Amino acid sequence: LAKSISDAGWYQFIQMLEYKSKWYGRELIKVVPNHTSQDCSVCGWRNKELELKDRSWTCINGHTLERDLNAAINIRNKGVGHTPSAWEIYSDIGRVAQESHLL
């Protein structure tokens, strides 16, 4: 898998994204995704015991998180440089869940 990913030409893909971002007057923000699925997007607690098979989890403060959605929210927060309120997070979770017919 690692070989096929490295053959995919990530450098060239990023170059194209940067070019198109500038073309359309947008800013491309590169975010390091480390621990984004392990960090609670509500309180910031990190669950170091998660395994790849774990698709949802509950943090020590009782927040139940869908792993991929949680990672997406954390990546967005890193990209925009702020920590949204719990209301923003929960309204995003509800909107995404409704759009994907999870509710």
PDB file of N, CA and C in Angstrom:
ATOM      1  N   LEU A   1       0.821  -1.190   0.000  1.00  0.00           N
ATOM      2  CA  LEU A   1       0.000   0.000   0.000  1.00  0.00           C
ATOM      3  C   LEU A   1       0.871   1.264   0.000  1.00  0.00           C
ATOM      4  N   ALA A   2       1.922   1.261   0.812  1.00  0.00           N
ATOM      5  CA  ALA A   2       2.782   2.446   0.887  1.00  0.00           C
ATOM      6  C   ALA A   2       3.423   2.748  -0.464  1.00  0.00           C
ATOM      7  N   LYS A   3       3.832   1.714  -1.184  1.00  0.00           N
ATOM      8  CA  LYS A   3       4.436   1.928  -2.503  1.00  0.00           C
ATOM      9  C   LYS A   3       3.422   2.525  -3.468  1.00  0.00           C
ATOM     10  N   SER A   4       2.203   2.008  -3.480  1.00  0.00           N
ATOM     11  CA  SER A   4       1.204   2.530  -4.415  1.00  0.00           C
ATOM     12  C   SER A   4       0.841   3.972  -4.073  1.00  0.00           C
ATOM     13  N   ILE A   5       0.853   4.320  -2.775  1.00  0.00           N
ATOM     14  CA  ILE A   5       0.581   5.708  -2.392  1.00  0.00           C
ATOM     15  C   ILE A   5       1.712   6.618  -2.849  1.00  0.00           C
ATOM     16  N   SER A   6       2.955   6.175  -2.679  1.00  0.00           N
ATOM     17  CA  SER A   6       4.072   7.016  -3.107  1.00  0.00           C
ATOM     18  C   SER A   6       4.117   7.152  -4.626  1.00  0.00           C
ATOM     19  N   ASP A   7       3.622   6.149  -5.343  1.00  0.00           N
ATOM     20  CA  ASP A   7       3.579   6.228  -6.801  1.00  0.00           C
ATOM     21  C   ASP A   7       2.463   7.139  -7.314  1.00  0.00           C
ATOM     22  N   ALA A   8       1.550   7.514  -6.442  1.00  0.00           N
ATOM     23  CA  ALA A   8       0.397   8.306  -6.856  1.00  0.00           C
ATOM     24  C   ALA A   8       0.764   9.743  -7.221  1.00  0.00           C
ATOM     25  N   GLY A   9       1.958  10.182  -6.939  1.00  0.00           N
ATOM     26  CA  GLY A   9       2.398  11.524  -7.310  1.00  0.00           C
ATOM     27  C   GLY A   9       1.803  12.612  -6.434  1.00  0.00           C
ATOM     28  N   TRP A  10       1.924  12.463  -5.111  1.00  0.00           N
ATOM     29  CA  TRP A  10       1.350  13.436  -4.203  1.00  0.00           C
ATOM     30  C   TRP A  10       1.945  14.827  -4.402  1.00  0.00           C
ATOM     31  N   TYR A  11       3.223  14.896  -4.679  1.00  0.00           N
ATOM     32  CA  TYR A  11       3.847  16.202  -4.875  1.00  0.00           C
ATOM     33  C   TYR A  11       3.193  16.928  -6.040  1.00  0.00           C
ATOM     34  N   GLN A  12       3.016  16.227  -7.133  1.00  0.00           N
ATOM     35  CA  GLN A  12       2.393  16.837  -8.309  1.00  0.00           C
ATOM     36  C   GLN A  12       0.942  17.227  -8.014  1.00  0.00           C
ATOM     37  N   PHE A  13       0.228  16.398  -7.283  1.00  0.00           N
ATOM     38  CA  PHE A  13      -1.153  16.702  -6.920  1.00  0.00           C
ATOM     39  C   PHE A  13      -1.224  17.986  -6.093  1.00  0.00           C
ATOM     40  N   ILE A  14      -0.328  18.126  -5.114  1.00  0.00           N
ATOM     41  CA  ILE A  14      -0.295  19.331  -4.274  1.00  0.00           C
ATOM     42  C   ILE A  14       0.039  20.553  -5.121  1.00  0.00           C
ATOM     43  N   GLN A  15       0.971  20.388  -6.062  1.00  0.00           N
ATOM     44  CA  GLN A  15       1.319  21.507  -6.951  1.00  0.00           C
ATOM     45  C   GLN A  15       0.100  21.972  -7.755  1.00  0.00           C
ATOM     46  N   MET A  16      -0.678  21.006  -8.253  1.00  0.00           N
ATOM     47  CA  MET A  16      -1.882  21.360  -9.015  1.00  0.00           C
ATOM     48  C   MET A  16      -2.911  22.059  -8.128  1.00  0.00           C
ATOM     49  N   LEU A  17      -3.071  21.566  -6.902  1.00  0.00           N
ATOM     50  CA  LEU A  17      -4.005  22.216  -5.974  1.00  0.00           C
ATOM     51  C   LEU A  17      -3.578  23.651  -5.672  1.00  0.00           C
ATOM     52  N   GLU A  18      -2.279  23.867  -5.446  1.00  0.00           N
ATOM     53  CA  GLU A  18      -1.784  25.218  -5.184  1.00  0.00           C
ATOM     54  C   GLU A  18      -2.025  26.131  -6.379  1.00  0.00           C
ATOM     55  N   TYR A  19      -1.762  25.630  -7.565  1.00  0.00           N
ATOM     56  CA  TYR A  19      -1.967  26.411  -8.779  1.00  0.00           C
ATOM     57  C   TYR A  19      -3.439  26.801  -8.939  1.00  0.00           C
ATOM     58  N   LYS A  20      -4.331  25.825  -8.809  1.00  0.00           N
ATOM     59  CA  LYS A  20      -5.763  26.098  -8.970  1.00  0.00           C
ATOM     60  C   LYS A  20      -6.292  26.999  -7.856  1.00  0.00           C
ATOM     61  N   SER A  21      -5.758  26.850  -6.646  1.00  0.00           N
ATOM     62  CA  SER A  21      -6.167  27.724  -5.546  1.00  0.00           C
ATOM     63  C   SER A  21      -5.844  29.170  -5.869  1.00  0.00           C
ATOM     64  N   LYS A  22      -4.628  29.413  -6.338  1.00  0.00           N
ATOM     65  CA  LYS A  22      -4.233  30.776  -6.713  1.00  0.00           C
ATOM     66  C   LYS A  22      -5.068  31.277  -7.880  1.00  0.00           C
ATOM     67  N   TRP A  23      -5.322  30.421  -8.840  1.00  0.00           N
ATOM     68  CA  TRP A  23      -6.096  30.771 -10.035  1.00  0.00           C
ATOM     69  C   TRP A  23      -7.479  31.323  -9.643  1.00  0.00           C
ATOM     70  N   TYR A  24      -8.106  30.678  -8.660  1.00  0.00           N
ATOM     71  CA  TYR A  24      -9.445  31.065  -8.225  1.00  0.00           C
ATOM     72  C   TYR A  24      -9.442  31.991  -7.004  1.00  0.00           C
ATOM     73  N   GLY A  25      -8.266  32.503  -6.639  1.00  0.00           N
ATOM     74  CA  GLY A  25      -8.175  33.449  -5.539  1.00  0.00           C
ATOM     75  C   GLY A  25      -8.399  32.837  -4.168  1.00  0.00           C
ATOM     76  N   ARG A  26      -8.064  31.582  -4.019  1.00  0.00           N
ATOM     77  CA  ARG A  26      -8.231  30.866  -2.748  1.00  0.00           C
ATOM     78  C   ARG A  26      -6.869  30.587  -2.125  1.00  0.00           C
ATOM     79  N   GLU A  27      -6.890  30.272  -0.852  1.00  0.00           N
ATOM     80  CA  GLU A  27      -5.670  29.916  -0.144  1.00  0.00           C
ATOM     81  C   GLU A  27      -5.698  28.424   0.180  1.00  0.00           C
ATOM     82  N   LEU A  28      -4.653  27.715  -0.196  1.00  0.00           N
ATOM     83  CA  LEU A  28      -4.523  26.299   0.143  1.00  0.00           C
ATOM     84  C   LEU A  28      -3.781  26.210   1.473  1.00  0.00           C
ATOM     85  N   ILE A  29      -4.409  25.588   2.445  1.00  0.00           N
ATOM     86  CA  ILE A  29      -3.800  25.443   3.762  1.00  0.00           C
ATOM     87  C   ILE A  29      -3.452  23.982   3.967  1.00  0.00           C
ATOM     88  N   LYS A  30      -2.174  23.711   4.164  1.00  0.00           N
ATOM     89  CA  LYS A  30      -1.716  22.349   4.423  1.00  0.00           C
ATOM     90  C   LYS A  30      -1.778  22.102   5.929  1.00  0.00           C
ATOM     91  N   VAL A  31      -2.402  21.003   6.317  1.00  0.00           N
ATOM     92  CA  VAL A  31      -2.585  20.675   7.720  1.00  0.00           C
ATOM     93  C   VAL A  31      -1.969  19.309   7.991  1.00  0.00           C
ATOM     94  N   VAL A  32      -1.193  19.223   9.050  1.00  0.00           N
ATOM     95  CA  VAL A  32      -0.633  17.940   9.480  1.00  0.00           C
ATOM     96  C   VAL A  32      -1.753  17.187  10.206  1.00  0.00           C
ATOM     97  N   PRO A  33      -2.169  16.026   9.691  1.00  0.00           N
ATOM     98  CA  PRO A  33      -3.326  15.338  10.265  1.00  0.00           C
ATOM     99  C   PRO A  33      -3.022  14.430  11.459  1.00  0.00           C
ATOM    100  N   ASN A  34      -1.838  14.557  12.034  1.00  0.00           N
ATOM    101  CA  ASN A  34      -1.457  13.679  13.149  1.00  0.00           C
ATOM    102  C   ASN A  34      -2.448  13.760  14.300  1.00  0.00           C
ATOM    103  N   HIS A  35      -2.904  12.619  14.763  1.00  0.00           N
ATOM    104  CA  HIS A  35      -3.772  12.454  15.932  1.00  0.00           C
ATOM    105  C   HIS A  35      -5.156  13.076  15.787  1.00  0.00           C
ATOM    106  N   THR A  36      -5.564  13.466  14.589  1.00  0.00           N
ATOM    107  CA  THR A  36      -6.857  14.131  14.434  1.00  0.00           C
ATOM    108  C   THR A  36      -8.035  13.211  14.716  1.00  0.00           C
ATOM    109  N   SER A  37      -7.874  11.912  14.522  1.00  0.00           N
ATOM    110  CA  SER A  37      -8.979  11.003  14.841  1.00  0.00           C
ATOM    111  C   SER A  37      -8.938  10.557  16.304  1.00  0.00           C
ATOM    112  N   GLN A  38      -7.827  10.827  16.985  1.00  0.00           N
ATOM    113  CA  GLN A  38      -7.683  10.434  18.391  1.00  0.00           C
ATOM    114  C   GLN A  38      -8.023  11.564  19.351  1.00  0.00           C
ATOM    115  N   ASP A  39      -7.968  12.805  18.892  1.00  0.00           N
ATOM    116  CA  ASP A  39      -8.247  13.960  19.742  1.00  0.00           C
ATOM    117  C   ASP A  39      -9.735  14.279  19.698  1.00  0.00           C
ATOM    118  N   CYS A  40     -10.348  14.443  20.864  1.00  0.00           N
ATOM    119  CA  CYS A  40     -11.765  14.806  20.929  1.00  0.00           C
ATOM    120  C   CYS A  40     -11.917  16.220  20.376  1.00  0.00           C
ATOM    121  N   SER A  41     -12.796  16.393  19.402  1.00  0.00           N
ATOM    122  CA  SER A  41     -12.988  17.701  18.789  1.00  0.00           C
ATOM    123  C   SER A  41     -13.762  18.650  19.692  1.00  0.00           C
ATOM    124  N   VAL A  42     -14.300  18.163  20.801  1.00  0.00           N
ATOM    125  CA  VAL A  42     -15.047  19.013  21.726  1.00  0.00           C
ATOM    126  C   VAL A  42     -14.146  19.502  22.859  1.00  0.00           C
ATOM    127  N   CYS A  43     -13.441  18.570  23.516  1.00  0.00           N
ATOM    128  CA  CYS A  43     -12.656  18.958  24.692  1.00  0.00           C
ATOM    129  C   CYS A  43     -11.140  18.834  24.495  1.00  0.00           C
ATOM    130  N   GLY A  44     -10.693  18.132  23.441  1.00  0.00           N
ATOM    131  CA  GLY A  44      -9.269  18.028  23.166  1.00  0.00           C
ATOM    132  C   GLY A  44      -8.570  16.824  23.778  1.00  0.00           C
ATOM    133  N   TRP A  45      -9.281  16.010  24.563  1.00  0.00           N
ATOM    134  CA  TRP A  45      -8.660  14.839  25.178  1.00  0.00           C
ATOM    135  C   TRP A  45      -8.225  13.852  24.099  1.00  0.00           C
ATOM    136  N   ARG A  46      -7.035  13.249  24.255  1.00  0.00           N
ATOM    137  CA  ARG A  46      -6.491  12.303  23.272  1.00  0.00           C
ATOM    138  C   ARG A  46      -6.646  10.869  23.767  1.00  0.00           C
ATOM    139  N   ASN A  47      -7.278  10.036  22.930  1.00  0.00           N
ATOM    140  CA  ASN A  47      -7.451   8.611  23.223  1.00  0.00           C
ATOM    141  C   ASN A  47      -6.328   7.854  22.525  1.00  0.00           C
ATOM    142  N   LYS A  48      -5.286   7.509  23.279  1.00  0.00           N
ATOM    143  CA  LYS A  48      -4.119   6.829  22.709  1.00  0.00           C
ATOM    144  C   LYS A  48      -4.344   5.337  22.512  1.00  0.00           C
ATOM    145  N   GLU A  49      -5.462   4.824  23.005  1.00  0.00           N
ATOM    146  CA  GLU A  49      -5.716   3.385  22.932  1.00  0.00           C
ATOM    147  C   GLU A  49      -6.570   2.988  21.732  1.00  0.00           C
ATOM    148  N   LEU A  50      -6.927   3.931  20.869  1.00  0.00           N
ATOM    149  CA  LEU A  50      -7.742   3.600  19.697  1.00  0.00           C
ATOM    150  C   LEU A  50      -6.977   2.714  18.729  1.00  0.00           C
ATOM    151  N   GLU A  51      -7.687   1.777  18.153  1.00  0.00           N
ATOM    152  CA  GLU A  51      -7.128   0.942  17.094  1.00  0.00           C
ATOM    153  C   GLU A  51      -7.845   1.284  15.797  1.00  0.00           C
ATOM    154  N   LEU A  52      -7.277   0.896  14.673  1.00  0.00           N
ATOM    155  CA  LEU A  52      -7.848   1.232  13.381  1.00  0.00           C
ATOM    156  C   LEU A  52      -9.268   0.693  13.228  1.00  0.00           C
ATOM    157  N   LYS A  53      -9.572  -0.431  13.858  1.00  0.00           N
ATOM    158  CA  LYS A  53     -10.903  -1.032  13.740  1.00  0.00           C
ATOM    159  C   LYS A  53     -11.966  -0.252  14.510  1.00  0.00           C
ATOM    160  N   ASP A  54     -11.562   0.602  15.454  1.00  0.00           N
ATOM    161  CA  ASP A  54     -12.507   1.387  16.250  1.00  0.00           C
ATOM    162  C   ASP A  54     -13.049   2.540  15.409  1.00  0.00           C
ATOM    163  N   ARG A  55     -14.335   2.508  15.086  1.00  0.00           N
ATOM    164  CA  ARG A  55     -14.924   3.524  14.223  1.00  0.00           C
ATOM    165  C   ARG A  55     -15.613   4.633  15.002  1.00  0.00           C
ATOM    166  N   SER A  56     -16.001   4.375  16.223  1.00  0.00           N
ATOM    167  CA  SER A  56     -16.560   5.416  17.086  1.00  0.00           C
ATOM    168  C   SER A  56     -16.035   5.180  18.499  1.00  0.00           C
ATOM    169  N   TRP A  57     -16.020   6.244  19.295  1.00  0.00           N
ATOM    170  CA  TRP A  57     -15.509   6.130  20.650  1.00  0.00           C
ATOM    171  C   TRP A  57     -16.080   7.245  21.515  1.00  0.00           C
ATOM    172  N   THR A  58     -15.933   7.086  22.816  1.00  0.00           N
ATOM    173  CA  THR A  58     -16.409   8.078  23.774  1.00  0.00           C
ATOM    174  C   THR A  58     -15.221   8.558  24.591  1.00  0.00           C
ATOM    175  N   CYS A  59     -15.058   9.878  24.669  1.00  0.00           N
ATOM    176  CA  CYS A  59     -13.926  10.427  25.430  1.00  0.00           C
ATOM    177  C   CYS A  59     -14.236  10.374  26.922  1.00  0.00           C
ATOM    178  N   ILE A  60     -13.244  10.715  27.738  1.00  0.00           N
ATOM    179  CA  ILE A  60     -13.421  10.626  29.191  1.00  0.00           C
ATOM    180  C   ILE A  60     -14.457  11.616  29.701  1.00  0.00           C
ATOM    181  N   ASN A  61     -14.785  12.640  28.922  1.00  0.00           N
ATOM    182  CA  ASN A  61     -15.788  13.624  29.326  1.00  0.00           C
ATOM    183  C   ASN A  61     -17.177  13.274  28.802  1.00  0.00           C
ATOM    184  N   GLY A  62     -17.308  12.101  28.162  1.00  0.00           N
ATOM    185  CA  GLY A  62     -18.620  11.631  27.734  1.00  0.00           C
ATOM    186  C   GLY A  62     -19.048  12.016  26.333  1.00  0.00           C
ATOM    187  N   HIS A  63     -18.171  12.628  25.554  1.00  0.00           N
ATOM    188  CA  HIS A  63     -18.509  12.995  24.176  1.00  0.00           C
ATOM    189  C   HIS A  63     -18.379  11.768  23.278  1.00  0.00           C
ATOM    190  N   THR A  64     -19.454  11.382  22.615  1.00  0.00           N
ATOM    191  CA  THR A  64     -19.428  10.246  21.706  1.00  0.00           C
ATOM    192  C   THR A  64     -19.063  10.754  20.320  1.00  0.00           C
ATOM    193  N   LEU A  65     -18.055  10.141  19.710  1.00  0.00           N
ATOM    194  CA  LEU A  65     -17.496  10.652  18.462  1.00  0.00           C
ATOM    195  C   LEU A  65     -17.439   9.580  17.393  1.00  0.00           C
ATOM    196  N   GLU A  66     -17.845   9.923  16.181  1.00  0.00           N
ATOM    197  CA  GLU A  66     -17.649   9.105  14.981  1.00  0.00           C
ATOM    198  C   GLU A  66     -16.243   9.450  14.516  1.00  0.00           C
ATOM    199  N   ARG A  67     -15.377   8.477  14.402  1.00  0.00           N
ATOM    200  CA  ARG A  67     -13.945   8.720  14.223  1.00  0.00           C
ATOM    201  C   ARG A  67     -13.606   9.572  12.991  1.00  0.00           C
ATOM    202  N   ASP A  68     -14.162   9.243  11.824  1.00  0.00           N
ATOM    203  CA  ASP A  68     -13.823   9.989  10.610  1.00  0.00           C
ATOM    204  C   ASP A  68     -14.358  11.415  10.660  1.00  0.00           C
ATOM    205  N   LEU A  69     -15.571  11.591  11.155  1.00  0.00           N
ATOM    206  CA  LEU A  69     -16.152  12.925  11.271  1.00  0.00           C
ATOM    207  C   LEU A  69     -15.378  13.755  12.283  1.00  0.00           C
ATOM    208  N   ASN A  70     -14.990  13.140  13.387  1.00  0.00           N
ATOM    209  CA  ASN A  70     -14.180  13.809  14.392  1.00  0.00           C
ATOM    210  C   ASN A  70     -12.855  14.289  13.793  1.00  0.00           C
ATOM    211  N   ALA A  71     -12.203  13.435  12.999  1.00  0.00           N
ATOM    212  CA  ALA A  71     -10.940  13.815  12.359  1.00  0.00           C
ATOM    213  C   ALA A  71     -11.151  14.977  11.392  1.00  0.00           C
ATOM    214  N   ALA A  72     -12.241  14.942  10.631  1.00  0.00           N
ATOM    215  CA  ALA A  72     -12.532  16.021   9.680  1.00  0.00           C
ATOM    216  C   ALA A  72     -12.730  17.349  10.410  1.00  0.00           C
ATOM    217  N   ILE A  73     -13.436  17.323  11.528  1.00  0.00           N
ATOM    218  CA  ILE A  73     -13.651  18.550  12.307  1.00  0.00           C
ATOM    219  C   ILE A  73     -12.324  19.063  12.853  1.00  0.00           C
ATOM    220  N   ASN A  74     -11.474  18.167  13.358  1.00  0.00           N
ATOM    221  CA  ASN A  74     -10.165  18.582  13.875  1.00  0.00           C
ATOM    222  C   ASN A  74      -9.276  19.156  12.775  1.00  0.00           C
ATOM    223  N   ILE A  75      -9.306  18.571  11.587  1.00  0.00           N
ATOM    224  CA  ILE A  75      -8.508  19.090  10.473  1.00  0.00           C
ATOM    225  C   ILE A  75      -9.014  20.472  10.069  1.00  0.00           C
ATOM    226  N   ARG A  76     -10.339  20.624  10.006  1.00  0.00           N
ATOM    227  CA  ARG A  76     -10.903  21.945   9.697  1.00  0.00           C
ATOM    228  C   ARG A  76     -10.456  22.967  10.727  1.00  0.00           C
ATOM    229  N   ASN A  77     -10.514  22.604  11.999  1.00  0.00           N
ATOM    230  CA  ASN A  77     -10.135  23.539  13.060  1.00  0.00           C
ATOM    231  C   ASN A  77      -8.664  23.931  12.962  1.00  0.00           C
ATOM    232  N   LYS A  78      -7.804  22.979  12.623  1.00  0.00           N
ATOM    233  CA  LYS A  78      -6.383  23.304  12.436  1.00  0.00           C
ATOM    234  C   LYS A  78      -6.203  24.238  11.247  1.00  0.00           C
ATOM    235  N   GLY A  79      -6.966  24.021  10.191  1.00  0.00           N
ATOM    236  CA  GLY A  79      -6.839  24.820   8.982  1.00  0.00           C
ATOM    237  C   GLY A  79      -7.305  26.248   9.160  1.00  0.00           C
ATOM    238  N   VAL A  80      -8.376  26.451   9.889  1.00  0.00           N
ATOM    239  CA  VAL A  80      -8.901  27.798  10.061  1.00  0.00           C
ATOM    240  C   VAL A  80      -8.299  28.499  11.268  1.00  0.00           C
ATOM    241  N   GLY A  81      -7.564  27.753  12.081  1.00  0.00           N
ATOM    242  CA  GLY A  81      -6.818  28.359  13.178  1.00  0.00           C
ATOM    243  C   GLY A  81      -7.646  28.788  14.375  1.00  0.00           C
ATOM    244  N   HIS A  82      -8.800  28.174  14.573  1.00  0.00           N
ATOM    245  CA  HIS A  82      -9.563  28.487  15.771  1.00  0.00           C
ATOM    246  C   HIS A  82     -10.255  27.237  16.279  1.00  0.00           C
ATOM    247  N   THR A  83     -10.651  27.317  17.529  1.00  0.00           N
ATOM    248  CA  THR A  83     -11.408  26.226  18.121  1.00  0.00           C
ATOM    249  C   THR A  83     -12.854  26.692  18.216  1.00  0.00           C
ATOM    250  N   PRO A  84     -13.748  26.057  17.466  1.00  0.00           N
ATOM    251  CA  PRO A  84     -15.136  26.500  17.502  1.00  0.00           C
ATOM    252  C   PRO A  84     -15.815  26.118  18.812  1.00  0.00           C
ATOM    253  N   SER A  85     -16.932  26.745  19.061  1.00  0.00           N
ATOM    254  CA  SER A  85     -17.701  26.415  20.260  1.00  0.00           C
ATOM    255  C   SER A  85     -18.326  25.035  20.104  1.00  0.00           C
ATOM    256  N   ALA A  86     -18.765  24.484  21.204  1.00  0.00           N
ATOM    257  CA  ALA A  86     -19.429  23.182  21.157  1.00  0.00           C
ATOM    258  C   ALA A  86     -20.675  23.264  20.276  1.00  0.00           C
ATOM    259  N   TRP A  87     -21.375  24.404  20.292  1.00  0.00           N
ATOM    260  CA  TRP A  87     -22.576  24.564  19.467  1.00  0.00           C
ATOM    261  C   TRP A  87     -22.232  24.428  17.987  1.00  0.00           C
ATOM    262  N   GLU A  88     -21.135  25.057  17.540  1.00  0.00           N
ATOM    263  CA  GLU A  88     -20.711  24.941  16.139  1.00  0.00           C
ATOM    264  C   GLU A  88     -20.405  23.494  15.780  1.00  0.00           C
ATOM    265  N   ILE A  89     -19.715  22.801  16.664  1.00  0.00           N
ATOM    266  CA  ILE A  89     -19.335  21.414  16.402  1.00  0.00           C
ATOM    267  C   ILE A  89     -20.573  20.540  16.295  1.00  0.00           C
ATOM    268  N   TYR A  90     -21.474  20.646  17.276  1.00  0.00           N
ATOM    269  CA  TYR A  90     -22.648  19.782  17.258  1.00  0.00           C
ATOM    270  C   TYR A  90     -23.580  20.113  16.102  1.00  0.00           C
ATOM    271  N   SER A  91     -23.675  21.381  15.698  1.00  0.00           N
ATOM    272  CA  SER A  91     -24.521  21.709  14.554  1.00  0.00           C
ATOM    273  C   SER A  91     -23.898  21.150  13.276  1.00  0.00           C
ATOM    274  N   ASP A  92     -22.557  21.147  13.172  1.00  0.00           N
ATOM    275  CA  ASP A  92     -21.889  20.537  12.016  1.00  0.00           C
ATOM    276  C   ASP A  92     -22.115  19.035  11.985  1.00  0.00           C
ATOM    277  N   ILE A  93     -22.006  18.392  13.130  1.00  0.00           N
ATOM    278  CA  ILE A  93     -22.206  16.943  13.191  1.00  0.00           C
ATOM    279  C   ILE A  93     -23.617  16.597  12.753  1.00  0.00           C
ATOM    280  N   GLY A  94     -24.606  17.342  13.236  1.00  0.00           N
ATOM    281  CA  GLY A  94     -25.990  17.092  12.851  1.00  0.00           C
ATOM    282  C   GLY A  94     -26.223  17.318  11.367  1.00  0.00           C
ATOM    283  N   ARG A  95     -25.628  18.395  10.820  1.00  0.00           N
ATOM    284  CA  ARG A  95     -25.796  18.695   9.395  1.00  0.00           C
ATOM    285  C   ARG A  95     -25.178  17.609   8.538  1.00  0.00           C
ATOM    286  N   VAL A  96     -23.962  17.192   8.874  1.00  0.00           N
ATOM    287  CA  VAL A  96     -23.281  16.151   8.103  1.00  0.00           C
ATOM    288  C   VAL A  96     -24.037  14.829   8.216  1.00  0.00           C
ATOM    289  N   ALA A  97     -24.505  14.510   9.420  1.00  0.00           N
ATOM    290  CA  ALA A  97     -25.255  13.269   9.608  1.00  0.00           C
ATOM    291  C   ALA A  97     -26.543  13.274   8.795  1.00  0.00           C
ATOM    292  N   GLN A  98     -27.237  14.404   8.755  1.00  0.00           N
ATOM    293  CA  GLN A  98     -28.467  14.497   7.980  1.00  0.00           C
ATOM    294  C   GLN A  98     -28.185  14.351   6.494  1.00  0.00           C
ATOM    295  N   GLU A  99     -27.109  14.996   6.030  1.00  0.00           N
ATOM    296  CA  GLU A  99     -26.755  14.922   4.612  1.00  0.00           C
ATOM    297  C   GLU A  99     -26.383  13.498   4.207  1.00  0.00           C
ATOM    298  N   SER A 100     -25.803  12.747   5.133  1.00  0.00           N
ATOM    299  CA  SER A 100     -25.405  11.376   4.805  1.00  0.00           C
ATOM    300  C   SER A 100     -26.467  10.367   5.246  1.00  0.00           C
ATOM    301  N   HIS A 101     -27.627  10.862   5.670  1.00  0.00           N
ATOM    302  CA  HIS A 101     -28.769  10.032   6.056  1.00  0.00           C
ATOM    303  C   HIS A 101     -28.463   9.147   7.263  1.00  0.00           C
ATOM    304  N   LEU A 102     -27.652   9.661   8.192  1.00  0.00           N
ATOM    305  CA  LEU A 102     -27.334   8.896   9.389  1.00  0.00           C
ATOM    306  C   LEU A 102     -28.361   9.120  10.491  1.00  0.00           C
ATOM    307  N   LEU A 103     -29.105  10.232  10.409  1.00  0.00           N
ATOM    308  CA  LEU A 103     -30.103  10.497  11.463  1.00  0.00           C
ATOM    309  C   LEU A 103     -31.461  10.002  11.034  1.00  0.00           C
TER     310      LEU A 103
END
